[in-house]
Amino acid sequence: RDYLGQVNFGYIITVCDHAEASCPAVFLRSS
């Protein structure tokens, strides 16, 4: 949440399965 609404990422790379499944899909689709 420190980055939500603050930084536009060119790439978002999840490095664990839990983060991949639990992170809001709309955030992952933003980059």
ModelCIF file with pLDDT and N, C-alpha, C, O atoms, coordinates in Angstrom:
data_MODEL
#
_entry.id   MODEL 
#
_entity.id                         1 
_entity.type                       polymer 
_entity.pdbx_number_of_molecules   1 
#
_entity_poly.entity_id                      1 
_entity_poly.type                           'polypeptide(L)' 
_entity_poly.nstd_linkage                   no 
_entity_poly.nstd_monomer                   no 
_entity_poly.pdbx_seq_one_letter_code       RDYLGQVNFGYIITVCDHAEASCPAVFLRSS 
_entity_poly.pdbx_seq_one_letter_code_can   RDYLGQVNFGYIITVCDHAEASCPAVFLRSS 
_entity_poly.pdbx_strand_id                 A 
#
loop_
_entity_poly_seq.entity_id 
_entity_poly_seq.num 
_entity_poly_seq.mon_id 
_entity_poly_seq.hetero 
1 1  ARG n 
1 2  ASP n 
1 3  TYR n 
1 4  LEU n 
1 5  GLY n 
1 6  GLN n 
1 7  VAL n 
1 8  ASN n 
1 9  PHE n 
1 10 GLY n 
1 11 TYR n 
1 12 ILE n 
1 13 ILE n 
1 14 THR n 
1 15 VAL n 
1 16 CYS n 
1 17 ASP n 
1 18 HIS n 
1 19 ALA n 
1 20 GLU n 
1 21 ALA n 
1 22 SER n 
1 23 CYS n 
1 24 PRO n 
1 25 ALA n 
1 26 VAL n 
1 27 PHE n 
1 28 LEU n 
1 29 ARG n 
1 30 SER n 
1 31 SER n 
#
_struct_asym.id          A 
_struct_asym.entity_id   1 
#
loop_
_ma_qa_metric.id 
_ma_qa_metric.mode 
_ma_qa_metric.name 
_ma_qa_metric.software_group_id 
_ma_qa_metric.type 
1 global pLDDT . pLDDT 
2 local  pLDDT . pLDDT 
#
_ma_qa_metric_global.metric_id      1 
_ma_qa_metric_global.metric_value   83.52 
_ma_qa_metric_global.model_id       1 
_ma_qa_metric_global.ordinal_id     1 
#
loop_
_ma_qa_metric_local.label_asym_id 
_ma_qa_metric_local.label_comp_id 
_ma_qa_metric_local.label_seq_id 
_ma_qa_metric_local.metric_id 
_ma_qa_metric_local.metric_value 
_ma_qa_metric_local.model_id 
_ma_qa_metric_local.ordinal_id 
A ARG 1  2 83.00 1 1  
A ASP 2  2 84.00 1 2  
A TYR 3  2 84.00 1 3  
A LEU 4  2 77.00 1 4  
A GLY 5  2 68.00 1 5  
A GLN 6  2 75.00 1 6  
A VAL 7  2 82.00 1 7  
A ASN 8  2 82.00 1 8  
A PHE 9  2 88.00 1 9  
A GLY 10 2 88.00 1 10 
A TYR 11 2 92.00 1 11 
A ILE 12 2 94.00 1 12 
A ILE 13 2 96.00 1 13 
A THR 14 2 96.00 1 14 
A VAL 15 2 97.00 1 15 
A CYS 16 2 93.00 1 16 
A ASP 17 2 93.00 1 17 
A HIS 18 2 91.00 1 18 
A ALA 19 2 90.00 1 19 
A GLU 20 2 90.00 1 20 
A ALA 21 2 88.00 1 21 
A SER 22 2 86.00 1 22 
A CYS 23 2 83.00 1 23 
A PRO 24 2 76.00 1 24 
A ALA 25 2 74.00 1 25 
A VAL 26 2 68.00 1 26 
A PHE 27 2 74.00 1 27 
A LEU 28 2 78.00 1 28 
A ARG 29 2 74.00 1 29 
A SER 30 2 69.00 1 30 
A SER 31 2 76.00 1 31 
#
loop_
_atom_site.group_PDB 
_atom_site.id 
_atom_site.type_symbol 
_atom_site.label_atom_id 
_atom_site.label_alt_id 
_atom_site.label_comp_id 
_atom_site.label_asym_id 
_atom_site.label_entity_id 
_atom_site.label_seq_id 
_atom_site.pdbx_PDB_ins_code 
_atom_site.Cartn_x 
_atom_site.Cartn_y 
_atom_site.Cartn_z 
_atom_site.occupancy 
_atom_site.B_iso_or_equiv 
_atom_site.pdbx_formal_charge 
_atom_site.auth_seq_id 
_atom_site.auth_comp_id 
_atom_site.auth_asym_id 
_atom_site.auth_atom_id 
_atom_site.pdbx_PDB_model_num 
ATOM 1   N N  . ARG A 1 1  ? 0.806  -1.217  0.000   1.00 83.00 ? 1  ARG A N  1 
ATOM 2   C CA . ARG A 1 1  ? 0.000  0.000   0.000   1.00 83.00 ? 1  ARG A CA 1 
ATOM 3   C C  . ARG A 1 1  ? 0.846  1.278   0.000   1.00 83.00 ? 1  ARG A C  1 
ATOM 4   O O  . ARG A 1 1  ? 0.339  2.355   -0.312  1.00 83.00 ? 1  ARG A O  1 
ATOM 5   N N  . ASP A 1 2  ? 2.144  1.159   0.352   1.00 84.00 ? 2  ASP A N  1 
ATOM 6   C CA . ASP A 1 2  ? 3.022  2.331   0.307   1.00 84.00 ? 2  ASP A CA 1 
ATOM 7   C C  . ASP A 1 2  ? 3.172  2.872   -1.112  1.00 84.00 ? 2  ASP A C  1 
ATOM 8   O O  . ASP A 1 2  ? 3.523  4.036   -1.306  1.00 84.00 ? 2  ASP A O  1 
ATOM 9   N N  . TYR A 1 3  ? 2.899  2.011   -2.114  1.00 84.00 ? 3  TYR A N  1 
ATOM 10  C CA . TYR A 1 3  ? 3.082  2.404   -3.505  1.00 84.00 ? 3  TYR A CA 1 
ATOM 11  C C  . TYR A 1 3  ? 1.774  2.624   -4.244  1.00 84.00 ? 3  TYR A C  1 
ATOM 12  O O  . TYR A 1 3  ? 1.765  3.237   -5.311  1.00 84.00 ? 3  TYR A O  1 
ATOM 13  N N  . LEU A 1 4  ? 0.651  2.126   -3.686  1.00 77.00 ? 4  LEU A N  1 
ATOM 14  C CA . LEU A 1 4  ? -0.629 2.277   -4.376  1.00 77.00 ? 4  LEU A CA 1 
ATOM 15  C C  . LEU A 1 4  ? -0.962 3.755   -4.535  1.00 77.00 ? 4  LEU A C  1 
ATOM 16  O O  . LEU A 1 4  ? -0.988 4.505   -3.559  1.00 77.00 ? 4  LEU A O  1 
ATOM 17  N N  . GLY A 1 5  ? -1.212 4.156   -5.752  1.00 68.00 ? 5  GLY A N  1 
ATOM 18  C CA . GLY A 1 5  ? -1.540 5.553   -6.018  1.00 68.00 ? 5  GLY A CA 1 
ATOM 19  C C  . GLY A 1 5  ? -0.345 6.480   -6.002  1.00 68.00 ? 5  GLY A C  1 
ATOM 20  O O  . GLY A 1 5  ? -0.507 7.689   -6.171  1.00 68.00 ? 5  GLY A O  1 
ATOM 21  N N  . GLN A 1 6  ? 0.876  5.941   -5.799  1.00 75.00 ? 6  GLN A N  1 
ATOM 22  C CA . GLN A 1 6  ? 2.060  6.781   -5.685  1.00 75.00 ? 6  GLN A CA 1 
ATOM 23  C C  . GLN A 1 6  ? 3.063  6.579   -6.819  1.00 75.00 ? 6  GLN A C  1 
ATOM 24  O O  . GLN A 1 6  ? 3.704  7.532   -7.262  1.00 75.00 ? 6  GLN A O  1 
ATOM 25  N N  . VAL A 1 7  ? 3.199  5.337   -7.287  1.00 82.00 ? 7  VAL A N  1 
ATOM 26  C CA . VAL A 1 7  ? 4.221  5.014   -8.293  1.00 82.00 ? 7  VAL A CA 1 
ATOM 27  C C  . VAL A 1 7  ? 3.585  4.261   -9.451  1.00 82.00 ? 7  VAL A C  1 
ATOM 28  O O  . VAL A 1 7  ? 2.808  3.331   -9.232  1.00 82.00 ? 7  VAL A O  1 
ATOM 29  N N  . ASN A 1 8  ? 3.901  4.645   -10.660 1.00 82.00 ? 8  ASN A N  1 
ATOM 30  C CA . ASN A 1 8  ? 3.478  3.910   -11.854 1.00 82.00 ? 8  ASN A CA 1 
ATOM 31  C C  . ASN A 1 8  ? 4.608  2.964   -12.260 1.00 82.00 ? 8  ASN A C  1 
ATOM 32  O O  . ASN A 1 8  ? 5.684  3.409   -12.660 1.00 82.00 ? 8  ASN A O  1 
ATOM 33  N N  . PHE A 1 9  ? 4.358  1.664   -12.156 1.00 88.00 ? 9  PHE A N  1 
ATOM 34  C CA . PHE A 1 9  ? 5.387  0.677   -12.447 1.00 88.00 ? 9  PHE A CA 1 
ATOM 35  C C  . PHE A 1 9  ? 5.294  0.205   -13.893 1.00 88.00 ? 9  PHE A C  1 
ATOM 36  O O  . PHE A 1 9  ? 4.209  -0.021  -14.427 1.00 88.00 ? 9  PHE A O  1 
ATOM 37  N N  . GLY A 1 10 ? 6.465  0.064   -14.509 1.00 88.00 ? 10 GLY A N  1 
ATOM 38  C CA . GLY A 1 10 ? 6.505  -0.517  -15.837 1.00 88.00 ? 10 GLY A CA 1 
ATOM 39  C C  . GLY A 1 10 ? 6.359  -2.030  -15.785 1.00 88.00 ? 10 GLY A C  1 
ATOM 40  O O  . GLY A 1 10 ? 5.792  -2.643  -16.689 1.00 88.00 ? 10 GLY A O  1 
ATOM 41  N N  . TYR A 1 11 ? 6.887  -2.629  -14.702 1.00 92.00 ? 11 TYR A N  1 
ATOM 42  C CA . TYR A 1 11 ? 6.796  -4.073  -14.505 1.00 92.00 ? 11 TYR A CA 1 
ATOM 43  C C  . TYR A 1 11 ? 6.442  -4.361  -13.052 1.00 92.00 ? 11 TYR A C  1 
ATOM 44  O O  . TYR A 1 11 ? 6.979  -3.743  -12.133 1.00 92.00 ? 11 TYR A O  1 
ATOM 45  N N  . ILE A 1 12 ? 5.532  -5.306  -12.861 1.00 94.00 ? 12 ILE A N  1 
ATOM 46  C CA . ILE A 1 12 ? 5.249  -5.850  -11.538 1.00 94.00 ? 12 ILE A CA 1 
ATOM 47  C C  . ILE A 1 12 ? 5.512  -7.347  -11.608 1.00 94.00 ? 12 ILE A C  1 
ATOM 48  O O  . ILE A 1 12 ? 4.871  -8.062  -12.378 1.00 94.00 ? 12 ILE A O  1 
ATOM 49  N N  . ILE A 1 13 ? 6.457  -7.814  -10.801 1.00 96.00 ? 13 ILE A N  1 
ATOM 50  C CA . ILE A 1 13 ? 6.885  -9.212  -10.862 1.00 96.00 ? 13 ILE A CA 1 
ATOM 51  C C  . ILE A 1 13 ? 6.619  -9.861  -9.511  1.00 96.00 ? 13 ILE A C  1 
ATOM 52  O O  . ILE A 1 13 ? 7.256  -9.510  -8.518  1.00 96.00 ? 13 ILE A O  1 
ATOM 53  N N  . THR A 1 14 ? 5.693  -10.794 -9.466  1.00 96.00 ? 14 THR A N  1 
ATOM 54  C CA . THR A 1 14 ? 5.447  -11.546 -8.232  1.00 96.00 ? 14 THR A CA 1 
ATOM 55  C C  . THR A 1 14 ? 6.435  -12.704 -8.176  1.00 96.00 ? 14 THR A C  1 
ATOM 56  O O  . THR A 1 14 ? 6.672  -13.389 -9.171  1.00 96.00 ? 14 THR A O  1 
ATOM 57  N N  . VAL A 1 15 ? 7.007  -12.910 -6.985  1.00 97.00 ? 15 VAL A N  1 
ATOM 58  C CA . VAL A 1 15 ? 8.026  -13.947 -6.836  1.00 97.00 ? 15 VAL A CA 1 
ATOM 59  C C  . VAL A 1 15 ? 7.589  -15.029 -5.855  1.00 97.00 ? 15 VAL A C  1 
ATOM 60  O O  . VAL A 1 15 ? 8.401  -15.852 -5.434  1.00 97.00 ? 15 VAL A O  1 
ATOM 61  N N  . CYS A 1 16 ? 6.305  -15.029 -5.489  1.00 93.00 ? 16 CYS A N  1 
ATOM 62  C CA . CYS A 1 16 ? 5.771  -16.132 -4.701  1.00 93.00 ? 16 CYS A CA 1 
ATOM 63  C C  . CYS A 1 16 ? 4.321  -16.362 -5.102  1.00 93.00 ? 16 CYS A C  1 
ATOM 64  O O  . CYS A 1 16 ? 3.631  -15.438 -5.531  1.00 93.00 ? 16 CYS A O  1 
ATOM 65  N N  . ASP A 1 17 ? 3.867  -17.601 -4.959  1.00 93.00 ? 17 ASP A N  1 
ATOM 66  C CA . ASP A 1 17 ? 2.531  -17.967 -5.415  1.00 93.00 ? 17 ASP A CA 1 
ATOM 67  C C  . ASP A 1 17 ? 1.442  -17.280 -4.602  1.00 93.00 ? 17 ASP A C  1 
ATOM 68  O O  . ASP A 1 17 ? 0.386  -16.946 -5.140  1.00 93.00 ? 17 ASP A O  1 
ATOM 69  N N  . HIS A 1 18 ? 1.688  -17.064 -3.311  1.00 91.00 ? 18 HIS A N  1 
ATOM 70  C CA . HIS A 1 18 ? 0.671  -16.421 -2.472  1.00 91.00 ? 18 HIS A CA 1 
ATOM 71  C C  . HIS A 1 18 ? 0.421  -14.990 -2.922  1.00 91.00 ? 18 HIS A C  1 
ATOM 72  O O  . HIS A 1 18 ? -0.728 -14.554 -2.996  1.00 91.00 ? 18 HIS A O  1 
ATOM 73  N N  . ALA A 1 19 ? 1.484  -14.259 -3.222  1.00 90.00 ? 19 ALA A N  1 
ATOM 74  C CA . ALA A 1 19 ? 1.319  -12.883 -3.698  1.00 90.00 ? 19 ALA A CA 1 
ATOM 75  C C  . ALA A 1 19 ? 0.599  -12.862 -5.037  1.00 90.00 ? 19 ALA A C  1 
ATOM 76  O O  . ALA A 1 19 ? -0.237 -11.991 -5.281  1.00 90.00 ? 19 ALA A O  1 
ATOM 77  N N  . GLU A 1 20 ? 0.917  -13.808 -5.902  1.00 90.00 ? 20 GLU A N  1 
ATOM 78  C CA . GLU A 1 20 ? 0.268  -13.884 -7.207  1.00 90.00 ? 20 GLU A CA 1 
ATOM 79  C C  . GLU A 1 20 ? -1.237 -14.101 -7.055  1.00 90.00 ? 20 GLU A C  1 
ATOM 80  O O  . GLU A 1 20 ? -2.028 -13.516 -7.795  1.00 90.00 ? 20 GLU A O  1 
ATOM 81  N N  . ALA A 1 21 ? -1.630 -14.940 -6.100  1.00 88.00 ? 21 ALA A N  1 
ATOM 82  C CA . ALA A 1 21 ? -3.045 -15.262 -5.916  1.00 88.00 ? 21 ALA A CA 1 
ATOM 83  C C  . ALA A 1 21 ? -3.788 -14.200 -5.127  1.00 88.00 ? 21 ALA A C  1 
ATOM 84  O O  . ALA A 1 21 ? -4.994 -14.031 -5.309  1.00 88.00 ? 21 ALA A O  1 
ATOM 85  N N  . SER A 1 22 ? -3.086 -13.473 -4.242  1.00 86.00 ? 22 SER A N  1 
ATOM 86  C CA . SER A 1 22 ? -3.770 -12.585 -3.306  1.00 86.00 ? 22 SER A CA 1 
ATOM 87  C C  . SER A 1 22 ? -3.716 -11.113 -3.686  1.00 86.00 ? 22 SER A C  1 
ATOM 88  O O  . SER A 1 22 ? -4.542 -10.331 -3.216  1.00 86.00 ? 22 SER A O  1 
ATOM 89  N N  . CYS A 1 23 ? -2.772 -10.717 -4.518  1.00 83.00 ? 23 CYS A N  1 
ATOM 90  C CA . CYS A 1 23 ? -2.667 -9.308  -4.901  1.00 83.00 ? 23 CYS A CA 1 
ATOM 91  C C  . CYS A 1 23 ? -3.866 -8.927  -5.773  1.00 83.00 ? 23 CYS A C  1 
ATOM 92  O O  . CYS A 1 23 ? -4.266 -9.710  -6.635  1.00 83.00 ? 23 CYS A O  1 
ATOM 93  N N  . PRO A 1 24 ? -4.446 -7.740  -5.567  1.00 76.00 ? 24 PRO A N  1 
ATOM 94  C CA . PRO A 1 24 ? -5.572 -7.315  -6.410  1.00 76.00 ? 24 PRO A CA 1 
ATOM 95  C C  . PRO A 1 24 ? -5.231 -7.401  -7.891  1.00 76.00 ? 24 PRO A C  1 
ATOM 96  O O  . PRO A 1 24 ? -4.229 -6.846  -8.342  1.00 76.00 ? 24 PRO A O  1 
ATOM 97  N N  . ALA A 1 25 ? -6.072 -8.100  -8.637  1.00 74.00 ? 25 ALA A N  1 
ATOM 98  C CA . ALA A 1 25 ? -5.788 -8.306  -10.060 1.00 74.00 ? 25 ALA A CA 1 
ATOM 99  C C  . ALA A 1 25 ? -5.695 -6.997  -10.820 1.00 74.00 ? 25 ALA A C  1 
ATOM 100 O O  . ALA A 1 25 ? -4.915 -6.878  -11.765 1.00 74.00 ? 25 ALA A O  1 
ATOM 101 N N  . VAL A 1 26 ? -6.488 -6.007  -10.410 1.00 68.00 ? 26 VAL A N  1 
ATOM 102 C CA . VAL A 1 26 ? -6.465 -4.726  -11.123 1.00 68.00 ? 26 VAL A CA 1 
ATOM 103 C C  . VAL A 1 26 ? -5.108 -4.053  -10.975 1.00 68.00 ? 26 VAL A C  1 
ATOM 104 O O  . VAL A 1 26 ? -4.664 -3.350  -11.883 1.00 68.00 ? 26 VAL A O  1 
ATOM 105 N N  . PHE A 1 27 ? -4.441 -4.261  -9.836  1.00 74.00 ? 27 PHE A N  1 
ATOM 106 C CA . PHE A 1 27 ? -3.111 -3.688  -9.652  1.00 74.00 ? 27 PHE A CA 1 
ATOM 107 C C  . PHE A 1 27 ? -2.103 -4.412  -10.539 1.00 74.00 ? 27 PHE A C  1 
ATOM 108 O O  . PHE A 1 27 ? -1.255 -3.779  -11.169 1.00 74.00 ? 27 PHE A O  1 
ATOM 109 N N  . LEU A 1 28 ? -2.197 -5.740  -10.586 1.00 78.00 ? 28 LEU A N  1 
ATOM 110 C CA . LEU A 1 28 ? -1.284 -6.497  -11.435 1.00 78.00 ? 28 LEU A CA 1 
ATOM 111 C C  . LEU A 1 28 ? -1.471 -6.144  -12.901 1.00 78.00 ? 28 LEU A C  1 
ATOM 112 O O  . LEU A 1 28 ? -0.505 -6.121  -13.664 1.00 78.00 ? 28 LEU A O  1 
ATOM 113 N N  . ARG A 1 29 ? -2.714 -5.868  -13.303 1.00 74.00 ? 29 ARG A N  1 
ATOM 114 C CA . ARG A 1 29 ? -2.983 -5.536  -14.707 1.00 74.00 ? 29 ARG A CA 1 
ATOM 115 C C  . ARG A 1 29 ? -2.543 -4.130  -15.063 1.00 74.00 ? 29 ARG A C  1 
ATOM 116 O O  . ARG A 1 29 ? -2.532 -3.760  -16.237 1.00 74.00 ? 29 ARG A O  1 
ATOM 117 N N  . SER A 1 30 ? -2.176 -3.333  -14.047 1.00 69.00 ? 30 SER A N  1 
ATOM 118 C CA . SER A 1 30 ? -1.817 -1.938  -14.318 1.00 69.00 ? 30 SER A CA 1 
ATOM 119 C C  . SER A 1 30 ? -0.457 -1.801  -14.990 1.00 69.00 ? 30 SER A C  1 
ATOM 120 O O  . SER A 1 30 ? -0.106 -0.714  -15.449 1.00 69.00 ? 30 SER A O  1 
ATOM 121 N N  . SER A 1 31 ? 0.313  -2.882  -15.056 1.00 76.00 ? 31 SER A N  1 
ATOM 122 C CA . SER A 1 31 ? 1.654  -2.848  -15.631 1.00 76.00 ? 31 SER A CA 1 
ATOM 123 C C  . SER A 1 31 ? 1.919  -4.150  -16.370 1.00 76.00 ? 31 SER A C  1 
ATOM 124 O O  . SER A 1 31 ? 2.999  -4.331  -16.933 1.00 76.00 ? 31 SER A O  1 
#
